Each structure stands twice: as structure tokens, then as C-alpha cells.
């Protein structure tokens, strides 16, 4: 397991109460295919259907044409991030949110143009 460093944001709560952590699990057969995000309490979240305190991201391993769809793609995660940023631009149309949305779209276009980068 490898812990990823997260920048401390001004809006973050006291990290000693809920220290947000992201861990990458290394496996020789599937390097950087599994990530665990922990250190939050979703009980107070209005969209929470059941209480939980962690999220797991499991990325595609192998060619989906050969092994089937067995995980997330980078494009799917970028699409979620882009959707969240675009929702924020409706609330606050700052140059920073527009710039971030542009960079996320560029990243998605880059991945679409260079599919060999995604083969693991």
C-alpha cells in the first residue's frame, strides 16, 4: 500500500477529526488498479443512502475486449470531475472553474487520441 499525498485546502475541516486519506494498492498482477479513499463520514450527506466512511476505486485491468469490463476507466473518472466542475460554474462563473473544465475536457480528448496509454 502506498499513501498518496493530498494538499490541505483552506476549506478542509480540522484534519485531526476526519483526516482524508487516499491509498494506492500495489499488486504485481494489477499495478495501480485499486485505490481506497477514507477518512470521511457520509452520514450527514443528503445523498447518502447508507452510512459509509470510505470509497474504493477499482480501475480496468486488461483489454476490455479480451477480459470484459472489470473496472473504471480514467475517462469515467474525468467525466465525473467535469460534471462536478460544470455544476459549480452554474453557481460561480469564475475564470478558474472555466479553466479547470477546459483542462478536464483536454485530458479526456488526449486519452481518446492516445488509447495505448490506457492499456494495463
PDB file of N, CA and C in Angstrom:
ATOM      1  N   UNK A   1       0.836  -1.172   0.000  1.00  0.00           N
ATOM      2  CA  UNK A   1       0.000   0.000   0.000  1.00  0.00           C
ATOM      3  C   UNK A   1       0.887   1.244   0.000  1.00  0.00           C
ATOM      4  N   UNK A   2       0.478   2.232  -0.785  1.00  0.00           N
ATOM      5  CA  UNK A   2       1.201   3.489  -0.875  1.00  0.00           C
ATOM      6  C   UNK A   2       0.213   4.614  -0.607  1.00  0.00           C
ATOM      7  N   UNK A   3       0.507   5.445   0.397  1.00  0.00           N
ATOM      8  CA  UNK A   3      -0.373   6.573   0.720  1.00  0.00           C
ATOM      9  C   UNK A   3      -0.051   7.740  -0.202  1.00  0.00           C
ATOM     10  N   UNK A   4      -1.090   8.326  -0.820  1.00  0.00           N
ATOM     11  CA  UNK A   4      -0.902   9.463  -1.715  1.00  0.00           C
ATOM     12  C   UNK A   4      -1.019  10.754  -0.923  1.00  0.00           C
ATOM     13  N   UNK A   5      -0.204  11.715  -1.288  1.00  0.00           N
ATOM     14  CA  UNK A   5      -0.212  12.991  -0.580  1.00  0.00           C
ATOM     15  C   UNK A   5      -1.329  13.872  -1.131  1.00  0.00           C
ATOM     16  N   UNK A   6      -2.110  14.439  -0.220  1.00  0.00           N
ATOM     17  CA  UNK A   6      -3.184  15.351  -0.604  1.00  0.00           C
ATOM     18  C   UNK A   6      -2.842  16.756  -0.136  1.00  0.00           C
ATOM     19  N   UNK A   7      -3.095  17.762  -0.968  1.00  0.00           N
ATOM     20  CA  UNK A   7      -2.864  19.134  -0.494  1.00  0.00           C
ATOM     21  C   UNK A   7      -3.930  19.499   0.533  1.00  0.00           C
ATOM     22  N   UNK A   8      -3.558  20.234   1.548  1.00  0.00           N
ATOM     23  CA  UNK A   8      -4.508  20.682   2.565  1.00  0.00           C
ATOM     24  C   UNK A   8      -5.161  21.952   2.058  1.00  0.00           C
ATOM     25  N   UNK A   9      -6.456  21.907   1.883  1.00  0.00           N
ATOM     26  CA  UNK A   9      -7.182  23.049   1.358  1.00  0.00           C
ATOM     27  C   UNK A   9      -7.696  23.925   2.492  1.00  0.00           C
ATOM     28  N   UNK A  10      -7.881  25.193   2.217  1.00  0.00           N
ATOM     29  CA  UNK A  10      -8.379  26.129   3.225  1.00  0.00           C
ATOM     30  C   UNK A  10      -9.754  25.706   3.723  1.00  0.00           C
ATOM     31  N   UNK A  11     -10.567  25.126   2.838  1.00  0.00           N
ATOM     32  CA  UNK A  11     -11.927  24.738   3.203  1.00  0.00           C
ATOM     33  C   UNK A  11     -11.999  23.421   3.972  1.00  0.00           C
ATOM     34  N   UNK A  12     -10.874  22.745   4.133  1.00  0.00           N
ATOM     35  CA  UNK A  12     -10.868  21.459   4.824  1.00  0.00           C
ATOM     36  C   UNK A  12     -11.191  21.629   6.302  1.00  0.00           C
ATOM     37  N   UNK A  13     -11.944  20.684   6.859  1.00  0.00           N
ATOM     38  CA  UNK A  13     -12.148  20.709   8.307  1.00  0.00           C
ATOM     39  C   UNK A  13     -10.850  20.325   9.026  1.00  0.00           C
ATOM     40  N   UNK A  14     -10.890  20.385  10.306  1.00  0.00           N
ATOM     41  CA  UNK A  14      -9.722  20.024  11.112  1.00  0.00           C
ATOM     42  C   UNK A  14      -9.282  18.613  10.721  1.00  0.00           C
ATOM     43  N   UNK A  15      -8.083  18.446  10.131  1.00  0.00           N
ATOM     44  CA  UNK A  15      -7.655  17.122   9.668  1.00  0.00           C
ATOM     45  C   UNK A  15      -7.510  16.097  10.783  1.00  0.00           C
ATOM     46  N   UNK A  16      -7.420  16.545  12.028  1.00  0.00           N
ATOM     47  CA  UNK A  16      -7.326  15.580  13.124  1.00  0.00           C
ATOM     48  C   UNK A  16      -8.677  14.922  13.395  1.00  0.00           C
ATOM     49  N   UNK A  17      -9.776  15.550  12.955  1.00  0.00           N
ATOM     50  CA  UNK A  17     -11.112  14.979  13.156  1.00  0.00           C
ATOM     51  C   UNK A  17     -11.414  13.941  12.082  1.00  0.00           C
ATOM     52  N   UNK A  18     -11.307  14.349  10.825  1.00  0.00           N
ATOM     53  CA  UNK A  18     -11.520  13.433   9.704  1.00  0.00           C
ATOM     54  C   UNK A  18     -10.357  13.581   8.737  1.00  0.00           C
ATOM     55  N   UNK A  19      -9.251  12.909   8.982  1.00  0.00           N
ATOM     56  CA  UNK A  19      -8.106  13.028   8.065  1.00  0.00           C
ATOM     57  C   UNK A  19      -8.368  12.256   6.766  1.00  0.00           C
ATOM     58  N   UNK A  20      -8.641  12.979   5.687  1.00  0.00           N
ATOM     59  CA  UNK A  20      -8.897  12.342   4.404  1.00  0.00           C
ATOM     60  C   UNK A  20      -7.613  11.686   3.905  1.00  0.00           C
ATOM     61  N   UNK A  21      -7.708  10.403   3.534  1.00  0.00           N
ATOM     62  CA  UNK A  21      -6.540   9.640   3.097  1.00  0.00           C
ATOM     63  C   UNK A  21      -6.861   8.899   1.805  1.00  0.00           C
ATOM     64  N   UNK A  22      -5.867   8.850   0.928  1.00  0.00           N
ATOM     65  CA  UNK A  22      -6.003   8.082  -0.312  1.00  0.00           C
ATOM     66  C   UNK A  22      -4.840   7.107  -0.365  1.00  0.00           C
ATOM     67  N   UNK A  23      -5.160   5.845  -0.541  1.00  0.00           N
ATOM     68  CA  UNK A  23      -4.134   4.811  -0.603  1.00  0.00           C
ATOM     69  C   UNK A  23      -4.219   4.086  -1.941  1.00  0.00           C
ATOM     70  N   UNK A  24      -3.062   3.846  -2.534  1.00  0.00           N
ATOM     71  CA  UNK A  24      -2.962   3.052  -3.760  1.00  0.00           C
ATOM     72  C   UNK A  24      -2.446   1.679  -3.370  1.00  0.00           C
ATOM     73  N   UNK A  25      -3.126   0.656  -3.831  1.00  0.00           N
ATOM     74  CA  UNK A  25      -2.718  -0.711  -3.517  1.00  0.00           C
ATOM     75  C   UNK A  25      -1.950  -1.281  -4.699  1.00  0.00           C
ATOM     76  N   UNK A  26      -0.731  -1.673  -4.438  1.00  0.00           N
ATOM     77  CA  UNK A  26       0.149  -2.206  -5.475  1.00  0.00           C
ATOM     78  C   UNK A  26       0.007  -3.724  -5.526  1.00  0.00           C
ATOM     79  N   UNK A  27      -0.113  -4.238  -6.708  1.00  0.00           N
ATOM     80  CA  UNK A  27      -0.196  -5.670  -6.930  1.00  0.00           C
ATOM     81  C   UNK A  27       0.557  -5.946  -8.216  1.00  0.00           C
ATOM     82  N   UNK A  28       1.423  -6.916  -8.211  1.00  0.00           N
ATOM     83  CA  UNK A  28       2.214  -7.211  -9.405  1.00  0.00           C
ATOM     84  C   UNK A  28       1.329  -7.499 -10.610  1.00  0.00           C
ATOM     85  N   UNK A  29       0.221  -8.162 -10.377  1.00  0.00           N
ATOM     86  CA  UNK A  29      -0.664  -8.515 -11.486  1.00  0.00           C
ATOM     87  C   UNK A  29      -1.472  -7.311 -11.975  1.00  0.00           C
ATOM     88  N   UNK A  30      -1.747  -6.355 -11.099  1.00  0.00           N
ATOM     89  CA  UNK A  30      -2.573  -5.202 -11.464  1.00  0.00           C
ATOM     90  C   UNK A  30      -2.057  -3.945 -10.766  1.00  0.00           C
ATOM     91  N   UNK A  31      -0.916  -3.402 -11.208  1.00  0.00           N
ATOM     92  CA  UNK A  31      -0.368  -2.218 -10.552  1.00  0.00           C
ATOM     93  C   UNK A  31      -1.295  -1.010 -10.686  1.00  0.00           C
ATOM     94  N   UNK A  32      -1.404  -0.265  -9.626  1.00  0.00           N
ATOM     95  CA  UNK A  32      -2.234   0.946  -9.528  1.00  0.00           C
ATOM     96  C   UNK A  32      -3.625   0.765 -10.122  1.00  0.00           C
ATOM     97  N   UNK A  33      -4.251  -0.346  -9.808  1.00  0.00           N
ATOM     98  CA  UNK A  33      -5.614  -0.592 -10.269  1.00  0.00           C
ATOM     99  C   UNK A  33      -6.646  -0.348  -9.172  1.00  0.00           C
ATOM    100  N   UNK A  34      -6.208  -0.262  -7.911  1.00  0.00           N
ATOM    101  CA  UNK A  34      -7.149  -0.146  -6.802  1.00  0.00           C
ATOM    102  C   UNK A  34      -6.720   0.981  -5.876  1.00  0.00           C
ATOM    103  N   UNK A  35      -7.686   1.850  -5.555  1.00  0.00           N
ATOM    104  CA  UNK A  35      -7.450   2.972  -4.648  1.00  0.00           C
ATOM    105  C   UNK A  35      -8.543   2.987  -3.591  1.00  0.00           C
ATOM    106  N   UNK A  36      -8.163   3.326  -2.387  1.00  0.00           N
ATOM    107  CA  UNK A  36      -9.121   3.429  -1.290  1.00  0.00           C
ATOM    108  C   UNK A  36      -9.047   4.841  -0.731  1.00  0.00           C
ATOM    109  N   UNK A  37     -10.198   5.489  -0.638  1.00  0.00           N
ATOM    110  CA  UNK A  37     -10.294   6.837  -0.078  1.00  0.00           C
ATOM    111  C   UNK A  37     -11.064   6.709   1.220  1.00  0.00           C
ATOM    112  N   UNK A  38     -10.450   7.157   2.308  1.00  0.00           N
ATOM    113  CA  UNK A  38     -11.068   7.021   3.628  1.00  0.00           C
ATOM    114  C   UNK A  38     -10.843   8.292   4.433  1.00  0.00           C
ATOM    115  N   UNK A  39     -11.533   8.367   5.561  1.00  0.00           N
ATOM    116  CA  UNK A  39     -11.358   9.498   6.452  1.00  0.00           C
ATOM    117  C   UNK A  39     -12.492  10.495   6.359  1.00  0.00           C
ATOM    118  N   UNK A  40     -13.663  10.041   5.931  1.00  0.00           N
ATOM    119  CA  UNK A  40     -14.826  10.919   5.897  1.00  0.00           C
ATOM    120  C   UNK A  40     -16.015  10.170   6.484  1.00  0.00           C
ATOM    121  N   UNK A  41     -17.046  10.907   6.849  1.00  0.00           N
ATOM    122  CA  UNK A  41     -18.241  10.310   7.421  1.00  0.00           C
ATOM    123  C   UNK A  41     -19.427  10.797   6.599  1.00  0.00           C
ATOM    124  N   UNK A  42     -19.996   9.932   5.780  1.00  0.00           N
ATOM    125  CA  UNK A  42     -21.056  10.312   4.852  1.00  0.00           C
ATOM    126  C   UNK A  42     -22.443  10.344   5.487  1.00  0.00           C
ATOM    127  N   UNK A  43     -22.554  10.079   6.776  1.00  0.00           N
ATOM    128  CA  UNK A  43     -23.861  10.035   7.437  1.00  0.00           C
ATOM    129  C   UNK A  43     -24.612  11.353   7.260  1.00  0.00           C
ATOM    130  N   UNK A  44     -23.916  12.477   7.326  1.00  0.00           N
ATOM    131  CA  UNK A  44     -24.589  13.771   7.226  1.00  0.00           C
ATOM    132  C   UNK A  44     -24.794  14.239   5.787  1.00  0.00           C
ATOM    133  N   UNK A  45     -24.363  13.456   4.802  1.00  0.00           N
ATOM    134  CA  UNK A  45     -24.510  13.841   3.392  1.00  0.00           C
ATOM    135  C   UNK A  45     -25.961  13.612   2.958  1.00  0.00           C
ATOM    136  N   UNK A  46     -26.602  14.609   2.341  1.00  0.00           N
ATOM    137  CA  UNK A  46     -28.012  14.451   1.966  1.00  0.00           C
ATOM    138  C   UNK A  46     -28.272  13.360   0.927  1.00  0.00           C
ATOM    139  N   UNK A  47     -27.285  12.996   0.128  1.00  0.00           N
ATOM    140  CA  UNK A  47     -27.468  11.953  -0.882  1.00  0.00           C
ATOM    141  C   UNK A  47     -27.105  10.565  -0.366  1.00  0.00           C
ATOM    142  N   UNK A  48     -26.684  10.461   0.877  1.00  0.00           N
ATOM    143  CA  UNK A  48     -26.233   9.178   1.440  1.00  0.00           C
ATOM    144  C   UNK A  48     -27.425   8.249   1.672  1.00  0.00           C
ATOM    145  N   UNK A  49     -27.407   7.103   1.031  1.00  0.00           N
ATOM    146  CA  UNK A  49     -28.467   6.097   1.201  1.00  0.00           C
ATOM    147  C   UNK A  49     -28.152   5.119   2.327  1.00  0.00           C
ATOM    148  N   UNK A  50     -26.867   4.921   2.576  1.00  0.00           N
ATOM    149  CA  UNK A  50     -26.438   4.076   3.683  1.00  0.00           C
ATOM    150  C   UNK A  50     -25.131   4.652   4.206  1.00  0.00           C
ATOM    151  N   UNK A  51     -24.945   4.657   5.517  1.00  0.00           N
ATOM    152  CA  UNK A  51     -23.727   5.270   6.062  1.00  0.00           C
ATOM    153  C   UNK A  51     -22.469   4.510   5.646  1.00  0.00           C
ATOM    154  N   UNK A  52     -21.475   5.243   5.242  1.00  0.00           N
ATOM    155  CA  UNK A  52     -20.183   4.653   4.920  1.00  0.00           C
ATOM    156  C   UNK A  52     -19.102   5.685   5.168  1.00  0.00           C
ATOM    157  N   UNK A  53     -17.871   5.218   5.288  1.00  0.00           N
ATOM    158  CA  UNK A  53     -16.760   6.113   5.599  1.00  0.00           C
ATOM    159  C   UNK A  53     -15.569   5.867   4.689  1.00  0.00           C
ATOM    160  N   UNK A  54     -15.818   5.274   3.522  1.00  0.00           N
ATOM    161  CA  UNK A  54     -14.729   5.063   2.576  1.00  0.00           C
ATOM    162  C   UNK A  54     -15.305   4.817   1.184  1.00  0.00           C
ATOM    163  N   UNK A  55     -14.474   5.032   0.193  1.00  0.00           N
ATOM    164  CA  UNK A  55     -14.848   4.763  -1.194  1.00  0.00           C
ATOM    165  C   UNK A  55     -13.686   4.026  -1.845  1.00  0.00           C
ATOM    166  N   UNK A  56     -14.013   3.081  -2.679  1.00  0.00           N
ATOM    167  CA  UNK A  56     -12.980   2.315  -3.367  1.00  0.00           C
ATOM    168  C   UNK A  56     -13.113   2.540  -4.865  1.00  0.00           C
ATOM    169  N   UNK A  57     -11.993   2.806  -5.506  1.00  0.00           N
ATOM    170  CA  UNK A  57     -11.941   2.940  -6.955  1.00  0.00           C
ATOM    171  C   UNK A  57     -11.165   1.750  -7.503  1.00  0.00           C
ATOM    172  N   UNK A  58     -11.797   1.001  -8.368  1.00  0.00           N
ATOM    173  CA  UNK A  58     -11.173  -0.162  -8.981  1.00  0.00           C
ATOM    174  C   UNK A  58     -11.123   0.097 -10.487  1.00  0.00           C
ATOM    175  N   UNK A  59      -9.911   0.238 -11.020  1.00  0.00           N
ATOM    176  CA  UNK A  59      -9.743   0.589 -12.424  1.00  0.00           C
ATOM    177  C   UNK A  59      -9.650  -0.644 -13.307  1.00  0.00           C
ATOM    178  N   UNK A  60     -10.018  -0.458 -14.570  1.00  0.00           N
ATOM    179  CA  UNK A  60      -9.950  -1.521 -15.563  1.00  0.00           C
ATOM    180  C   UNK A  60      -8.559  -2.132 -15.580  1.00  0.00           C
ATOM    181  N   UNK A  61      -8.534  -3.461 -15.629  1.00  0.00           N
ATOM    182  CA  UNK A  61      -7.264  -4.180 -15.748  1.00  0.00           C
ATOM    183  C   UNK A  61      -7.370  -5.102 -16.949  1.00  0.00           C
ATOM    184  N   UNK A  62      -6.558  -4.831 -17.951  1.00  0.00           N
ATOM    185  CA  UNK A  62      -6.568  -5.637 -19.163  1.00  0.00           C
ATOM    186  C   UNK A  62      -7.475  -5.033 -20.226  1.00  0.00           C
ATOM    187  N   UNK A  63      -7.352  -5.557 -21.415  1.00  0.00           N
ATOM    188  CA  UNK A  63      -8.151  -5.096 -22.550  1.00  0.00           C
ATOM    189  C   UNK A  63      -9.597  -5.533 -22.335  1.00  0.00           C
ATOM    190  N   UNK A  64     -10.550  -4.580 -22.289  1.00  0.00           N
ATOM    191  CA  UNK A  64     -11.945  -4.960 -22.059  1.00  0.00           C
ATOM    192  C   UNK A  64     -12.499  -5.893 -23.138  1.00  0.00           C
ATOM    193  N   UNK A  65     -11.923  -5.843 -24.350  1.00  0.00           N
ATOM    194  CA  UNK A  65     -12.377  -6.753 -25.402  1.00  0.00           C
ATOM    195  C   UNK A  65     -11.964  -8.189 -25.108  1.00  0.00           C
ATOM    196  N   UNK A  66     -10.881  -8.346 -24.363  1.00  0.00           N
ATOM    197  CA  UNK A  66     -10.382  -9.691 -24.039  1.00  0.00           C
ATOM    198  C   UNK A  66     -10.887 -10.180 -22.686  1.00  0.00           C
ATOM    199  N   UNK A  67     -10.897  -9.303 -21.678  1.00  0.00           N
ATOM    200  CA  UNK A  67     -11.237  -9.740 -20.314  1.00  0.00           C
ATOM    201  C   UNK A  67     -12.586  -9.227 -19.829  1.00  0.00           C
ATOM    202  N   UNK A  68     -13.245  -8.386 -20.634  1.00  0.00           N
ATOM    203  CA  UNK A  68     -14.515  -7.798 -20.215  1.00  0.00           C
ATOM    204  C   UNK A  68     -14.283  -6.537 -19.394  1.00  0.00           C
ATOM    205  N   UNK A  69     -15.352  -5.847 -19.104  1.00  0.00           N
ATOM    206  CA  UNK A  69     -15.258  -4.628 -18.306  1.00  0.00           C
ATOM    207  C   UNK A  69     -15.163  -5.042 -16.841  1.00  0.00           C
ATOM    208  N   UNK A  70     -14.012  -4.804 -16.220  1.00  0.00           N
ATOM    209  CA  UNK A  70     -13.813  -5.227 -14.835  1.00  0.00           C
ATOM    210  C   UNK A  70     -13.458  -4.059 -13.909  1.00  0.00           C
ATOM    211  N   UNK A  71     -13.577  -2.838 -14.405  1.00  0.00           N
ATOM    212  CA  UNK A  71     -13.284  -1.695 -13.556  1.00  0.00           C
ATOM    213  C   UNK A  71     -13.560  -0.376 -14.247  1.00  0.00           C
ATOM    214  N   UNK A  72     -13.297   0.701 -13.522  1.00  0.00           N
ATOM    215  CA  UNK A  72     -13.483   2.054 -14.038  1.00  0.00           C
ATOM    216  C   UNK A  72     -12.429   2.384 -15.084  1.00  0.00           C
ATOM    217  N   UNK A  73     -12.712   3.398 -15.879  1.00  0.00           N
ATOM    218  CA  UNK A  73     -11.710   3.928 -16.797  1.00  0.00           C
ATOM    219  C   UNK A  73     -11.339   5.338 -16.324  1.00  0.00           C
ATOM    220  N   UNK A  74     -10.189   5.796 -16.764  1.00  0.00           N
ATOM    221  CA  UNK A  74      -9.769   7.158 -16.452  1.00  0.00           C
ATOM    222  C   UNK A  74     -10.775   8.149 -17.009  1.00  0.00           C
ATOM    223  N   UNK A  75     -11.319   7.854 -18.202  1.00  0.00           N
ATOM    224  CA  UNK A  75     -12.306   8.740 -18.814  1.00  0.00           C
ATOM    225  C   UNK A  75     -13.562   8.863 -17.958  1.00  0.00           C
ATOM    226  N   UNK A  76     -13.983   7.775 -17.330  1.00  0.00           N
ATOM    227  CA  UNK A  76     -15.178   7.821 -16.477  1.00  0.00           C
ATOM    228  C   UNK A  76     -14.941   8.734 -15.279  1.00  0.00           C
ATOM    229  N   UNK A  77     -13.773   8.640 -14.670  1.00  0.00           N
ATOM    230  CA  UNK A  77     -13.452   9.489 -13.514  1.00  0.00           C
ATOM    231  C   UNK A  77     -13.363  10.949 -13.949  1.00  0.00           C
ATOM    232  N   UNK A  78     -12.730  11.203 -15.101  1.00  0.00           N
ATOM    233  CA  UNK A  78     -12.654  12.569 -15.614  1.00  0.00           C
ATOM    234  C   UNK A  78     -14.042  13.118 -15.928  1.00  0.00           C
ATOM    235  N   UNK A  79     -14.929  12.279 -16.452  1.00  0.00           N
ATOM    236  CA  UNK A  79     -16.298  12.720 -16.746  1.00  0.00           C
ATOM    237  C   UNK A  79     -17.033  13.128 -15.469  1.00  0.00           C
ATOM    238  N   UNK A  80     -16.840  12.391 -14.387  1.00  0.00           N
ATOM    239  CA  UNK A  80     -17.448  12.746 -13.096  1.00  0.00           C
ATOM    240  C   UNK A  80     -16.895  14.087 -12.616  1.00  0.00           C
ATOM    241  N   UNK A  81     -15.573  14.252 -12.676  1.00  0.00           N
ATOM    242  CA  UNK A  81     -14.957  15.514 -12.251  1.00  0.00           C
ATOM    243  C   UNK A  81     -15.447  16.679 -13.106  1.00  0.00           C
ATOM    244  N   UNK A  82     -15.548  16.477 -14.408  1.00  0.00           N
ATOM    245  CA  UNK A  82     -16.014  17.526 -15.305  1.00  0.00           C
ATOM    246  C   UNK A  82     -17.456  17.906 -14.970  1.00  0.00           C
ATOM    247  N   UNK A  83     -18.297  16.926 -14.696  1.00  0.00           N
ATOM    248  CA  UNK A  83     -19.688  17.200 -14.331  1.00  0.00           C
ATOM    249  C   UNK A  83     -19.761  18.046 -13.061  1.00  0.00           C
ATOM    250  N   UNK A  84     -18.932  17.711 -12.067  1.00  0.00           N
ATOM    251  CA  UNK A  84     -18.920  18.483 -10.815  1.00  0.00           C
ATOM    252  C   UNK A  84     -18.440  19.911 -11.042  1.00  0.00           C
ATOM    253  N   UNK A  85     -17.411  20.069 -11.855  1.00  0.00           N
ATOM    254  CA  UNK A  85     -16.895  21.414 -12.142  1.00  0.00           C
ATOM    255  C   UNK A  85     -17.934  22.223 -12.916  1.00  0.00           C
ATOM    256  N   UNK A  86     -18.598  21.594 -13.888  1.00  0.00           N
ATOM    257  CA  UNK A  86     -19.617  22.311 -14.660  1.00  0.00           C
ATOM    258  C   UNK A  86     -20.799  22.710 -13.770  1.00  0.00           C
ATOM    259  N   UNK A  87     -21.133  21.884 -12.796  1.00  0.00           N
ATOM    260  CA  UNK A  87     -22.201  22.253 -11.851  1.00  0.00           C
ATOM    261  C   UNK A  87     -21.776  23.471 -11.033  1.00  0.00           C
ATOM    262  N   UNK A  88     -20.506  23.543 -10.673  1.00  0.00           N
ATOM    263  CA  UNK A  88     -20.010  24.701  -9.916  1.00  0.00           C
ATOM    264  C   UNK A  88     -19.997  25.960 -10.766  1.00  0.00           C
ATOM    265  N   UNK A  89     -19.759  25.832 -12.074  1.00  0.00           N
ATOM    266  CA  UNK A  89     -19.745  27.026 -12.924  1.00  0.00           C
ATOM    267  C   UNK A  89     -21.126  27.651 -12.996  1.00  0.00           C
ATOM    268  N   UNK A  90     -22.170  26.855 -12.780  1.00  0.00           N
ATOM    269  CA  UNK A  90     -23.527  27.409 -12.738  1.00  0.00           C
ATOM    270  C   UNK A  90     -23.722  28.269 -11.494  1.00  0.00           C
ATOM    271  N   UNK A  91     -23.020  27.926 -10.408  1.00  0.00           N
ATOM    272  CA  UNK A  91     -23.116  28.686  -9.162  1.00  0.00           C
ATOM    273  C   UNK A  91     -22.164  29.874  -9.147  1.00  0.00           C
ATOM    274  N   UNK A  92     -20.981  29.678  -9.702  1.00  0.00           N
ATOM    275  CA  UNK A  92     -19.958  30.715  -9.693  1.00  0.00           C
ATOM    276  C   UNK A  92     -19.199  30.656 -11.008  1.00  0.00           C
ATOM    277  N   UNK A  93     -19.460  31.601 -11.861  1.00  0.00           N
ATOM    278  CA  UNK A  93     -18.830  31.569 -13.186  1.00  0.00           C
ATOM    279  C   UNK A  93     -17.469  32.260 -13.166  1.00  0.00           C
ATOM    280  N   UNK A  94     -16.546  31.682 -12.412  1.00  0.00           N
ATOM    281  CA  UNK A  94     -15.206  32.261 -12.329  1.00  0.00           C
ATOM    282  C   UNK A  94     -14.332  31.714 -13.449  1.00  0.00           C
ATOM    283  N   UNK A  95     -13.291  32.458 -13.758  1.00  0.00           N
ATOM    284  CA  UNK A  95     -12.342  32.025 -14.783  1.00  0.00           C
ATOM    285  C   UNK A  95     -11.663  30.723 -14.378  1.00  0.00           C
ATOM    286  N   UNK A  96     -11.448  30.532 -13.079  1.00  0.00           N
ATOM    287  CA  UNK A  96     -10.781  29.320 -12.590  1.00  0.00           C
ATOM    288  C   UNK A  96     -11.623  28.081 -12.874  1.00  0.00           C
ATOM    289  N   UNK A  97     -12.943  28.142 -12.644  1.00  0.00           N
ATOM    290  CA  UNK A  97     -13.782  26.964 -12.888  1.00  0.00           C
ATOM    291  C   UNK A  97     -13.887  26.679 -14.379  1.00  0.00           C
ATOM    292  N   UNK A  98     -13.974  27.731 -15.207  1.00  0.00           N
ATOM    293  CA  UNK A  98     -13.982  27.522 -16.654  1.00  0.00           C
ATOM    294  C   UNK A  98     -12.652  26.931 -17.122  1.00  0.00           C
ATOM    295  N   UNK A  99     -11.554  27.413 -16.562  1.00  0.00           N
ATOM    296  CA  UNK A  99     -10.237  26.893 -16.921  1.00  0.00           C
ATOM    297  C   UNK A  99     -10.077  25.438 -16.539  1.00  0.00           C
ATOM    298  N   UNK A 100     -10.549  25.090 -15.342  1.00  0.00           N
ATOM    299  CA  UNK A 100     -10.461  23.697 -14.896  1.00  0.00           C
ATOM    300  C   UNK A 100     -11.297  22.796 -15.798  1.00  0.00           C
ATOM    301  N   UNK A 101     -12.497  23.227 -16.154  1.00  0.00           N
ATOM    302  CA  UNK A 101     -13.348  22.436 -17.049  1.00  0.00           C
ATOM    303  C   UNK A 101     -12.658  22.238 -18.396  1.00  0.00           C
ATOM    304  N   UNK A 102     -12.010  23.277 -18.896  1.00  0.00           N
ATOM    305  CA  UNK A 102     -11.301  23.178 -20.175  1.00  0.00           C
ATOM    306  C   UNK A 102     -10.176  22.156 -20.094  1.00  0.00           C
ATOM    307  N   UNK A 103      -9.416  22.176 -18.992  1.00  0.00           N
ATOM    308  CA  UNK A 103      -8.315  21.223 -18.827  1.00  0.00           C
ATOM    309  C   UNK A 103      -8.826  19.789 -18.709  1.00  0.00           C
ATOM    310  N   UNK A 104      -9.942  19.591 -18.025  1.00  0.00           N
ATOM    311  CA  UNK A 104     -10.511  18.241 -17.912  1.00  0.00           C
ATOM    312  C   UNK A 104     -10.965  17.736 -19.277  1.00  0.00           C
ATOM    313  N   UNK A 105     -11.614  18.605 -20.069  1.00  0.00           N
ATOM    314  CA  UNK A 105     -12.013  18.197 -21.422  1.00  0.00           C
ATOM    315  C   UNK A 105     -10.785  17.869 -22.272  1.00  0.00           C
ATOM    316  N   UNK A 106      -9.722  18.660 -22.137  1.00  0.00           N
ATOM    317  CA  UNK A 106      -8.482  18.388 -22.879  1.00  0.00           C
ATOM    318  C   UNK A 106      -7.895  17.037 -22.482  1.00  0.00           C
ATOM    319  N   UNK A 107      -7.914  16.726 -21.188  1.00  0.00           N
ATOM    320  CA  UNK A 107      -7.401  15.434 -20.717  1.00  0.00           C
ATOM    321  C   UNK A 107      -8.215  14.286 -21.306  1.00  0.00           C
ATOM    322  N   UNK A 108      -9.546  14.449 -21.362  1.00  0.00           N
ATOM    323  CA  UNK A 108     -10.396  13.412 -21.943  1.00  0.00           C
ATOM    324  C   UNK A 108     -10.097  13.235 -23.434  1.00  0.00           C
ATOM    325  N   UNK A 109      -9.928  14.348 -24.150  1.00  0.00           N
ATOM    326  CA  UNK A 109      -9.606  14.282 -25.576  1.00  0.00           C
ATOM    327  C   UNK A 109      -8.241  13.635 -25.805  1.00  0.00           C
ATOM    328  N   UNK A 110      -7.277  13.943 -24.946  1.00  0.00           N
ATOM    329  CA  UNK A 110      -5.947  13.351 -25.053  1.00  0.00           C
ATOM    330  C   UNK A 110      -6.017  11.838 -24.876  1.00  0.00           C
ATOM    331  N   UNK A 111      -6.745  11.387 -23.863  1.00  0.00           N
ATOM    332  CA  UNK A 111      -6.864   9.944 -23.638  1.00  0.00           C
ATOM    333  C   UNK A 111      -7.557   9.255 -24.812  1.00  0.00           C
ATOM    334  N   UNK A 112      -8.552   9.919 -25.388  1.00  0.00           N
ATOM    335  CA  UNK A 112      -9.251   9.339 -26.536  1.00  0.00           C
ATOM    336  C   UNK A 112      -8.320   9.228 -27.747  1.00  0.00           C
ATOM    337  N   UNK A 113      -7.398  10.185 -27.884  1.00  0.00           N
ATOM    338  CA  UNK A 113      -6.478  10.188 -29.018  1.00  0.00           C
ATOM    339  C   UNK A 113      -5.291   9.247 -28.815  1.00  0.00           C
ATOM    340  N   UNK A 114      -5.006   8.889 -27.568  1.00  0.00           N
ATOM    341  CA  UNK A 114      -3.848   8.044 -27.251  1.00  0.00           C
ATOM    342  C   UNK A 114      -4.289   6.811 -26.453  1.00  0.00           C
ATOM    343  N   UNK A 115      -5.117   5.936 -27.030  1.00  0.00           N
ATOM    344  CA  UNK A 115      -5.657   4.803 -26.263  1.00  0.00           C
ATOM    345  C   UNK A 115      -4.609   3.825 -25.739  1.00  0.00           C
ATOM    346  N   UNK A 116      -3.439   3.772 -26.377  1.00  0.00           N
ATOM    347  CA  UNK A 116      -2.401   2.838 -25.892  1.00  0.00           C
ATOM    348  C   UNK A 116      -1.884   3.222 -24.519  1.00  0.00           C
ATOM    349  N   UNK A 117      -2.064   4.476 -24.101  1.00  0.00           N
ATOM    350  CA  UNK A 117      -1.629   4.892 -22.763  1.00  0.00           C
ATOM    351  C   UNK A 117      -2.449   4.218 -21.664  1.00  0.00           C
ATOM    352  N   UNK A 118      -3.635   3.746 -22.015  1.00  0.00           N
ATOM    353  CA  UNK A 118      -4.542   3.183 -21.018  1.00  0.00           C
ATOM    354  C   UNK A 118      -4.444   1.669 -20.906  1.00  0.00           C
ATOM    355  N   UNK A 119      -3.640   1.052 -21.704  1.00  0.00           N
ATOM    356  CA  UNK A 119      -3.544  -0.412 -21.656  1.00  0.00           C
ATOM    357  C   UNK A 119      -2.654  -0.840 -20.490  1.00  0.00           C
ATOM    358  N   UNK A 120      -3.265  -1.550 -19.562  1.00  0.00           N
ATOM    359  CA  UNK A 120      -2.537  -2.077 -18.392  1.00  0.00           C
ATOM    360  C   UNK A 120      -2.888  -3.533 -18.252  1.00  0.00           C
TER     361      UNK A 120
END
